[in-house]
Amino acid sequence: MKCPICGVDAPAGAVDCAACGIIFAKFKKKLESLPVTPASRFQPWMGRALAVVIVLAWMAGFGLYYRAVLSEMPARKTAAPR
């Protein structure tokens, strides 16, 4: 059995952890008394998808801005061929 606090291997049937001193029965009782929370609706892929959407929106906005700036610049004069 592994201690849930420090991770040290404890012999089977041990009452407490020799390393950190936690009493397993009290810890188990404390865990059982905690309210059960429902699973989160947030999935790991949602964060990545949001990041991709933000980057694409930024790129589109920057592209439109850059296009507007280029259209306002005077035409570049090219040298006449010799």
PDB file of N, CA and C in Angstrom:
ATOM      1  N   MET A   1       0.849  -1.165   0.000  1.00  0.00           N
ATOM      2  CA  MET A   1       0.000   0.000   0.000  1.00  0.00           C
ATOM      3  C   MET A   1       0.898   1.234   0.000  1.00  0.00           C
ATOM      4  N   LYS A   2       0.508   2.235  -0.770  1.00  0.00           N
ATOM      5  CA  LYS A   2       1.266   3.474  -0.842  1.00  0.00           C
ATOM      6  C   LYS A   2       0.566   4.550  -0.041  1.00  0.00           C
ATOM      7  N   CYS A   3       1.340   5.361   0.644  1.00  0.00           N
ATOM      8  CA  CYS A   3       0.791   6.473   1.405  1.00  0.00           C
ATOM      9  C   CYS A   3       0.252   7.514   0.429  1.00  0.00           C
ATOM     10  N   PRO A   4      -0.993   7.982   0.606  1.00  0.00           N
ATOM     11  CA  PRO A   4      -1.561   8.961  -0.315  1.00  0.00           C
ATOM     12  C   PRO A   4      -0.941  10.350  -0.166  1.00  0.00           C
ATOM     13  N   ILE A   5      -0.238  10.613   0.907  1.00  0.00           N
ATOM     14  CA  ILE A   5       0.364  11.926   1.132  1.00  0.00           C
ATOM     15  C   ILE A   5       1.813  11.970   0.648  1.00  0.00           C
ATOM     16  N   CYS A   6       2.643  11.083   1.140  1.00  0.00           N
ATOM     17  CA  CYS A   6       4.069  11.147   0.809  1.00  0.00           C
ATOM     18  C   CYS A   6       4.512  10.114  -0.227  1.00  0.00           C
ATOM     19  N   GLY A   7       3.706   9.090  -0.504  1.00  0.00           N
ATOM     20  CA  GLY A   7       4.028   8.106  -1.524  1.00  0.00           C
ATOM     21  C   GLY A   7       4.939   6.986  -1.087  1.00  0.00           C
ATOM     22  N   VAL A   8       5.266   6.919   0.193  1.00  0.00           N
ATOM     23  CA  VAL A   8       6.134   5.857   0.705  1.00  0.00           C
ATOM     24  C   VAL A   8       5.334   4.561   0.782  1.00  0.00           C
ATOM     25  N   ASP A   9       5.988   3.446   0.443  1.00  0.00           N
ATOM     26  CA  ASP A   9       5.324   2.146   0.545  1.00  0.00           C
ATOM     27  C   ASP A   9       5.144   1.773   2.009  1.00  0.00           C
ATOM     28  N   ALA A  10       3.909   1.466   2.369  1.00  0.00           N
ATOM     29  CA  ALA A  10       3.597   1.039   3.736  1.00  0.00           C
ATOM     30  C   ALA A  10       3.200  -0.430   3.680  1.00  0.00           C
ATOM     31  N   PRO A  11       3.521  -1.196   4.704  1.00  0.00           N
ATOM     32  CA  PRO A  11       3.132  -2.606   4.694  1.00  0.00           C
ATOM     33  C   PRO A  11       1.614  -2.749   4.714  1.00  0.00           C
ATOM     34  N   ALA A  12       1.121  -3.834   4.141  1.00  0.00           N
ATOM     35  CA  ALA A  12      -0.323  -4.087   4.107  1.00  0.00           C
ATOM     36  C   ALA A  12      -0.868  -4.163   5.529  1.00  0.00           C
ATOM     37  N   GLY A  13      -1.968  -3.498   5.774  1.00  0.00           N
ATOM     38  CA  GLY A  13      -2.593  -3.514   7.092  1.00  0.00           C
ATOM     39  C   GLY A  13      -2.010  -2.508   8.063  1.00  0.00           C
ATOM     40  N   ALA A  14      -1.129  -1.635   7.585  1.00  0.00           N
ATOM     41  CA  ALA A  14      -0.539  -0.639   8.476  1.00  0.00           C
ATOM     42  C   ALA A  14      -1.597   0.371   8.890  1.00  0.00           C
ATOM     43  N   VAL A  15      -1.500   0.850  10.131  1.00  0.00           N
ATOM     44  CA  VAL A  15      -2.454   1.810  10.659  1.00  0.00           C
ATOM     45  C   VAL A  15      -2.055   3.230  10.268  1.00  0.00           C
ATOM     46  N   ASP A  16      -0.759   3.489  10.260  1.00  0.00           N
ATOM     47  CA  ASP A  16      -0.288   4.820   9.909  1.00  0.00           C
ATOM     48  C   ASP A  16       0.967   4.724   9.051  1.00  0.00           C
ATOM     49  N   CYS A  17       1.361   5.852   8.462  1.00  0.00           N
ATOM     50  CA  CYS A  17       2.552   5.907   7.617  1.00  0.00           C
ATOM     51  C   CYS A  17       3.767   6.140   8.511  1.00  0.00           C
ATOM     52  N   ALA A  18       4.805   5.356   8.306  1.00  0.00           N
ATOM     53  CA  ALA A  18       6.014   5.497   9.104  1.00  0.00           C
ATOM     54  C   ALA A  18       6.782   6.766   8.730  1.00  0.00           C
ATOM     55  N   ALA A  19       6.605   7.263   7.512  1.00  0.00           N
ATOM     56  CA  ALA A  19       7.368   8.439   7.062  1.00  0.00           C
ATOM     57  C   ALA A  19       6.708   9.744   7.488  1.00  0.00           C
ATOM     58  N   CYS A  20       5.412   9.915   7.198  1.00  0.00           N
ATOM     59  CA  CYS A  20       4.778  11.210   7.471  1.00  0.00           C
ATOM     60  C   CYS A  20       3.809  11.167   8.658  1.00  0.00           C
ATOM     61  N   GLY A  21       3.452   9.993   9.131  1.00  0.00           N
ATOM     62  CA  GLY A  21       2.629   9.869  10.324  1.00  0.00           C
ATOM     63  C   GLY A  21       1.125   9.970  10.103  1.00  0.00           C
ATOM     64  N   ILE A  22       0.669  10.018   8.866  1.00  0.00           N
ATOM     65  CA  ILE A  22      -0.769  10.093   8.611  1.00  0.00           C
ATOM     66  C   ILE A  22      -1.443   8.795   9.059  1.00  0.00           C
ATOM     67  N   ILE A  23      -2.622   8.926   9.633  1.00  0.00           N
ATOM     68  CA  ILE A  23      -3.399   7.756  10.040  1.00  0.00           C
ATOM     69  C   ILE A  23      -4.361   7.458   8.903  1.00  0.00           C
ATOM     70  N   PHE A  24      -4.199   6.280   8.305  1.00  0.00           N
ATOM     71  CA  PHE A  24      -4.938   5.934   7.100  1.00  0.00           C
ATOM     72  C   PHE A  24      -6.449   5.925   7.313  1.00  0.00           C
ATOM     73  N   ALA A  25      -6.938   5.445   8.433  1.00  0.00           N
ATOM     74  CA  ALA A  25      -8.376   5.384   8.684  1.00  0.00           C
ATOM     75  C   ALA A  25      -8.983   6.789   8.741  1.00  0.00           C
ATOM     76  N   LYS A  26      -8.289   7.726   9.396  1.00  0.00           N
ATOM     77  CA  LYS A  26      -8.791   9.102   9.475  1.00  0.00           C
ATOM     78  C   LYS A  26      -8.771   9.767   8.093  1.00  0.00           C
ATOM     79  N   PHE A  27      -7.737   9.484   7.342  1.00  0.00           N
ATOM     80  CA  PHE A  27      -7.638  10.066   6.000  1.00  0.00           C
ATOM     81  C   PHE A  27      -8.761   9.547   5.108  1.00  0.00           C
ATOM     82  N   LYS A  28      -9.025   8.240   5.182  1.00  0.00           N
ATOM     83  CA  LYS A  28     -10.093   7.649   4.383  1.00  0.00           C
ATOM     84  C   LYS A  28     -11.450   8.223   4.789  1.00  0.00           C
ATOM     85  N   LYS A  29     -11.666   8.392   6.093  1.00  0.00           N
ATOM     86  CA  LYS A  29     -12.925   8.955   6.583  1.00  0.00           C
ATOM     87  C   LYS A  29     -13.084  10.396   6.096  1.00  0.00           C
ATOM     88  N   LYS A  30     -11.995  11.151   6.099  1.00  0.00           N
ATOM     89  CA  LYS A  30     -12.030  12.544   5.641  1.00  0.00           C
ATOM     90  C   LYS A  30     -12.368  12.604   4.152  1.00  0.00           C
ATOM     91  N   LEU A  31     -11.792  11.703   3.348  1.00  0.00           N
ATOM     92  CA  LEU A  31     -12.080  11.671   1.918  1.00  0.00           C
ATOM     93  C   LEU A  31     -13.544  11.323   1.659  1.00  0.00           C
ATOM     94  N   GLU A  32     -14.095  10.416   2.445  1.00  0.00           N
ATOM     95  CA  GLU A  32     -15.486  10.011   2.257  1.00  0.00           C
ATOM     96  C   GLU A  32     -16.455  11.125   2.638  1.00  0.00           C
ATOM     97  N   SER A  33     -16.050  12.017   3.548  1.00  0.00           N
ATOM     98  CA  SER A  33     -16.945  13.084   3.987  1.00  0.00           C
ATOM     99  C   SER A  33     -16.952  14.279   3.029  1.00  0.00           C
ATOM    100  N   LEU A  34     -15.979  14.349   2.135  1.00  0.00           N
ATOM    101  CA  LEU A  34     -15.927  15.451   1.182  1.00  0.00           C
ATOM    102  C   LEU A  34     -17.045  15.305   0.153  1.00  0.00           C
ATOM    103  N   PRO A  35     -17.651  16.421  -0.275  1.00  0.00           N
ATOM    104  CA  PRO A  35     -18.706  16.324  -1.287  1.00  0.00           C
ATOM    105  C   PRO A  35     -18.135  15.902  -2.633  1.00  0.00           C
ATOM    106  N   VAL A  36     -18.907  15.153  -3.362  1.00  0.00           N
ATOM    107  CA  VAL A  36     -18.491  14.697  -4.680  1.00  0.00           C
ATOM    108  C   VAL A  36     -18.847  15.780  -5.685  1.00  0.00           C
ATOM    109  N   THR A  37     -17.850  16.250  -6.409  1.00  0.00           N
ATOM    110  CA  THR A  37     -18.099  17.282  -7.407  1.00  0.00           C
ATOM    111  C   THR A  37     -18.292  16.630  -8.765  1.00  0.00           C
ATOM    112  N   PRO A  38     -19.200  17.164  -9.568  1.00  0.00           N
ATOM    113  CA  PRO A  38     -19.394  16.587 -10.901  1.00  0.00           C
ATOM    114  C   PRO A  38     -18.172  16.819 -11.771  1.00  0.00           C
ATOM    115  N   ALA A  39     -18.026  15.994 -12.767  1.00  0.00           N
ATOM    116  CA  ALA A  39     -16.894  16.123 -13.678  1.00  0.00           C
ATOM    117  C   ALA A  39     -16.978  17.452 -14.411  1.00  0.00           C
ATOM    118  N   SER A  40     -15.851  18.006 -14.657  1.00  0.00           N
ATOM    119  CA  SER A  40     -15.788  19.306 -15.330  1.00  0.00           C
ATOM    120  C   SER A  40     -16.251  19.184 -16.772  1.00  0.00           C
ATOM    121  N   ARG A  41     -16.942  20.206 -17.230  1.00  0.00           N
ATOM    122  CA  ARG A  41     -17.391  20.218 -18.619  1.00  0.00           C
ATOM    123  C   ARG A  41     -16.259  20.633 -19.542  1.00  0.00           C
ATOM    124  N   PHE A  42     -15.190  21.180 -18.985  1.00  0.00           N
ATOM    125  CA  PHE A  42     -14.058  21.627 -19.789  1.00  0.00           C
ATOM    126  C   PHE A  42     -13.219  20.428 -20.204  1.00  0.00           C
ATOM    127  N   GLN A  43     -12.995  20.302 -21.473  1.00  0.00           N
ATOM    128  CA  GLN A  43     -12.169  19.227 -22.004  1.00  0.00           C
ATOM    129  C   GLN A  43     -10.814  19.811 -22.421  1.00  0.00           C
ATOM    130  N   PRO A  44      -9.739  19.033 -22.375  1.00  0.00           N
ATOM    131  CA  PRO A  44      -8.418  19.556 -22.723  1.00  0.00           C
ATOM    132  C   PRO A  44      -8.351  20.118 -24.147  1.00  0.00           C
ATOM    133  N   TRP A  45      -9.059  19.529 -25.082  1.00  0.00           N
ATOM    134  CA  TRP A  45      -8.996  20.006 -26.464  1.00  0.00           C
ATOM    135  C   TRP A  45      -9.657  21.364 -26.621  1.00  0.00           C
ATOM    136  N   MET A  46     -10.532  21.748 -25.693  1.00  0.00           N
ATOM    137  CA  MET A  46     -11.220  23.038 -25.803  1.00  0.00           C
ATOM    138  C   MET A  46     -10.229  24.200 -25.664  1.00  0.00           C
ATOM    139  N   GLY A  47      -9.273  24.059 -24.785  1.00  0.00           N
ATOM    140  CA  GLY A  47      -8.269  25.103 -24.614  1.00  0.00           C
ATOM    141  C   GLY A  47      -7.411  25.261 -25.855  1.00  0.00           C
ATOM    142  N   ARG A  48      -7.036  24.139 -26.452  1.00  0.00           N
ATOM    143  CA  ARG A  48      -6.235  24.199 -27.677  1.00  0.00           C
ATOM    144  C   ARG A  48      -7.029  24.804 -28.825  1.00  0.00           C
ATOM    145  N   ALA A  49      -8.295  24.415 -28.927  1.00  0.00           N
ATOM    146  CA  ALA A  49      -9.139  24.959 -29.986  1.00  0.00           C
ATOM    147  C   ALA A  49      -9.312  26.468 -29.811  1.00  0.00           C
ATOM    148  N   LEU A  50      -9.499  26.904 -28.587  1.00  0.00           N
ATOM    149  CA  LEU A  50      -9.633  28.337 -28.322  1.00  0.00           C
ATOM    150  C   LEU A  50      -8.351  29.081 -28.707  1.00  0.00           C
ATOM    151  N   ALA A  51      -7.205  28.500 -28.397  1.00  0.00           N
ATOM    152  CA  ALA A  51      -5.928  29.120 -28.753  1.00  0.00           C
ATOM    153  C   ALA A  51      -5.793  29.223 -30.275  1.00  0.00           C
ATOM    154  N   VAL A  52      -6.191  28.190 -30.996  1.00  0.00           N
ATOM    155  CA  VAL A  52      -6.115  28.212 -32.463  1.00  0.00           C
ATOM    156  C   VAL A  52      -7.030  29.291 -33.021  1.00  0.00           C
ATOM    157  N   VAL A  53      -8.248  29.403 -32.483  1.00  0.00           N
ATOM    158  CA  VAL A  53      -9.189  30.422 -32.949  1.00  0.00           C
ATOM    159  C   VAL A  53      -8.629  31.823 -32.697  1.00  0.00           C
ATOM    160  N   ILE A  54      -8.042  32.040 -31.546  1.00  0.00           N
ATOM    161  CA  ILE A  54      -7.471  33.349 -31.224  1.00  0.00           C
ATOM    162  C   ILE A  54      -6.318  33.682 -32.174  1.00  0.00           C
ATOM    163  N   VAL A  55      -5.446  32.726 -32.430  1.00  0.00           N
ATOM    164  CA  VAL A  55      -4.311  32.963 -33.328  1.00  0.00           C
ATOM    165  C   VAL A  55      -4.803  33.241 -34.743  1.00  0.00           C
ATOM    166  N   LEU A  56      -5.778  32.475 -35.222  1.00  0.00           N
ATOM    167  CA  LEU A  56      -6.299  32.701 -36.568  1.00  0.00           C
ATOM    168  C   LEU A  56      -6.982  34.059 -36.678  1.00  0.00           C
ATOM    169  N   ALA A  57      -7.721  34.456 -35.662  1.00  0.00           N
ATOM    170  CA  ALA A  57      -8.370  35.773 -35.677  1.00  0.00           C
ATOM    171  C   ALA A  57      -7.317  36.880 -35.683  1.00  0.00           C
ATOM    172  N   TRP A  58      -6.263  36.715 -34.899  1.00  0.00           N
ATOM    173  CA  TRP A  58      -5.191  37.711 -34.876  1.00  0.00           C
ATOM    174  C   TRP A  58      -4.512  37.790 -36.243  1.00  0.00           C
ATOM    175  N   MET A  59      -4.252  36.635 -36.861  1.00  0.00           N
ATOM    176  CA  MET A  59      -3.613  36.629 -38.171  1.00  0.00           C
ATOM    177  C   MET A  59      -4.495  37.303 -39.221  1.00  0.00           C
ATOM    178  N   ALA A  60      -5.797  37.043 -39.188  1.00  0.00           N
ATOM    179  CA  ALA A  60      -6.710  37.669 -40.137  1.00  0.00           C
ATOM    180  C   ALA A  60      -6.740  39.181 -39.921  1.00  0.00           C
ATOM    181  N   GLY A  61      -6.820  39.610 -38.685  1.00  0.00           N
ATOM    182  CA  GLY A  61      -6.822  41.040 -38.393  1.00  0.00           C
ATOM    183  C   GLY A  61      -5.533  41.710 -38.822  1.00  0.00           C
ATOM    184  N   PHE A  62      -4.417  41.088 -38.546  1.00  0.00           N
ATOM    185  CA  PHE A  62      -3.127  41.643 -38.948  1.00  0.00           C
ATOM    186  C   PHE A  62      -3.015  41.693 -40.462  1.00  0.00           C
ATOM    187  N   GLY A  63      -3.510  40.660 -41.144  1.00  0.00           N
ATOM    188  CA  GLY A  63      -3.481  40.634 -42.602  1.00  0.00           C
ATOM    189  C   GLY A  63      -4.304  41.764 -43.201  1.00  0.00           C
ATOM    190  N   LEU A  64      -5.487  42.006 -42.650  1.00  0.00           N
ATOM    191  CA  LEU A  64      -6.326  43.096 -43.139  1.00  0.00           C
ATOM    192  C   LEU A  64      -5.661  44.449 -42.876  1.00  0.00           C
ATOM    193  N   TYR A  65      -5.079  44.597 -41.712  1.00  0.00           N
ATOM    194  CA  TYR A  65      -4.372  45.847 -41.387  1.00  0.00           C
ATOM    195  C   TYR A  65      -3.199  46.062 -42.346  1.00  0.00           C
ATOM    196  N   TYR A  66      -2.417  45.044 -42.555  1.00  0.00           N
ATOM    197  CA  TYR A  66      -1.245  45.136 -43.426  1.00  0.00           C
ATOM    198  C   TYR A  66      -1.669  45.455 -44.854  1.00  0.00           C
ATOM    199  N   ARG A  67      -2.744  44.850 -45.307  1.00  0.00           N
ATOM    200  CA  ARG A  67      -3.268  45.116 -46.655  1.00  0.00           C
ATOM    201  C   ARG A  67      -3.696  46.576 -46.778  1.00  0.00           C
ATOM    202  N   ALA A  68      -4.355  47.109 -45.743  1.00  0.00           N
ATOM    203  CA  ALA A  68      -4.784  48.507 -45.768  1.00  0.00           C
ATOM    204  C   ALA A  68      -3.580  49.440 -45.786  1.00  0.00           C
ATOM    205  N   VAL A  69      -2.554  49.121 -45.023  1.00  0.00           N
ATOM    206  CA  VAL A  69      -1.353  49.957 -44.985  1.00  0.00           C
ATOM    207  C   VAL A  69      -0.656  49.935 -46.342  1.00  0.00           C
ATOM    208  N   LEU A  70      -0.575  48.769 -46.965  1.00  0.00           N
ATOM    209  CA  LEU A  70       0.085  48.672 -48.267  1.00  0.00           C
ATOM    210  C   LEU A  70      -0.689  49.427 -49.341  1.00  0.00           C
ATOM    211  N   SER A  71      -2.009  49.433 -49.252  1.00  0.00           N
ATOM    212  CA  SER A  71      -2.790  50.120 -50.273  1.00  0.00           C
ATOM    213  C   SER A  71      -2.636  51.639 -50.170  1.00  0.00           C
ATOM    214  N   GLU A  72      -2.276  52.153 -49.003  1.00  0.00           N
ATOM    215  CA  GLU A  72      -2.084  53.588 -48.821  1.00  0.00           C
ATOM    216  C   GLU A  72      -0.685  54.054 -49.207  1.00  0.00           C
ATOM    217  N   MET A  73       0.244  53.137 -49.372  1.00  0.00           N
ATOM    218  CA  MET A  73       1.619  53.511 -49.722  1.00  0.00           C
ATOM    219  C   MET A  73       1.682  53.908 -51.192  1.00  0.00           C
ATOM    220  N   PRO A  74       2.519  54.879 -51.509  1.00  0.00           N
ATOM    221  CA  PRO A  74       2.671  55.257 -52.922  1.00  0.00           C
ATOM    222  C   PRO A  74       3.314  54.113 -53.713  1.00  0.00           C
ATOM    223  N   ALA A  75       3.009  54.089 -54.988  1.00  0.00           N
ATOM    224  CA  ALA A  75       3.566  53.033 -55.835  1.00  0.00           C
ATOM    225  C   ALA A  75       5.073  53.188 -55.918  1.00  0.00           C
ATOM    226  N   ARG A  76       5.765  52.092 -55.978  1.00  0.00           N
ATOM    227  CA  ARG A  76       7.219  52.110 -56.046  1.00  0.00           C
ATOM    228  C   ARG A  76       7.655  52.381 -57.486  1.00  0.00           C
ATOM    229  N   LYS A  77       8.540  53.315 -57.631  1.00  0.00           N
ATOM    230  CA  LYS A  77       9.025  53.653 -58.975  1.00  0.00           C
ATOM    231  C   LYS A  77      10.151  52.702 -59.345  1.00  0.00           C
ATOM    232  N   THR A  78      10.030  52.182 -60.555  1.00  0.00           N
ATOM    233  CA  THR A  78      11.061  51.260 -61.022  1.00  0.00           C
ATOM    234  C   THR A  78      11.981  52.021 -61.963  1.00  0.00           C
ATOM    235  N   ALA A  79      13.194  51.622 -61.992  1.00  0.00           N
ATOM    236  CA  ALA A  79      14.184  52.270 -62.858  1.00  0.00           C
ATOM    237  C   ALA A  79      13.896  51.900 -64.312  1.00  0.00           C
ATOM    238  N   ALA A  80      14.110  52.838 -65.195  1.00  0.00           N
ATOM    239  CA  ALA A  80      13.885  52.591 -66.635  1.00  0.00           C
ATOM    240  C   ALA A  80      14.985  51.669 -67.144  1.00  0.00           C
ATOM    241  N   PRO A  81      14.609  50.762 -68.017  1.00  0.00           N
ATOM    242  CA  PRO A  81      15.646  49.854 -68.560  1.00  0.00           C
ATOM    243  C   PRO A  81      16.649  50.631 -69.413  1.00  0.00           C
ATOM    244  N   ARG A  82      17.869  50.241 -69.404  1.00  0.00           N
ATOM    245  CA  ARG A  82      18.938  50.928 -70.159  1.00  0.00           C
ATOM    246  C   ARG A  82      19.203  50.270 -71.455  1.00  0.00           C
TER     247      ARG A  82
END
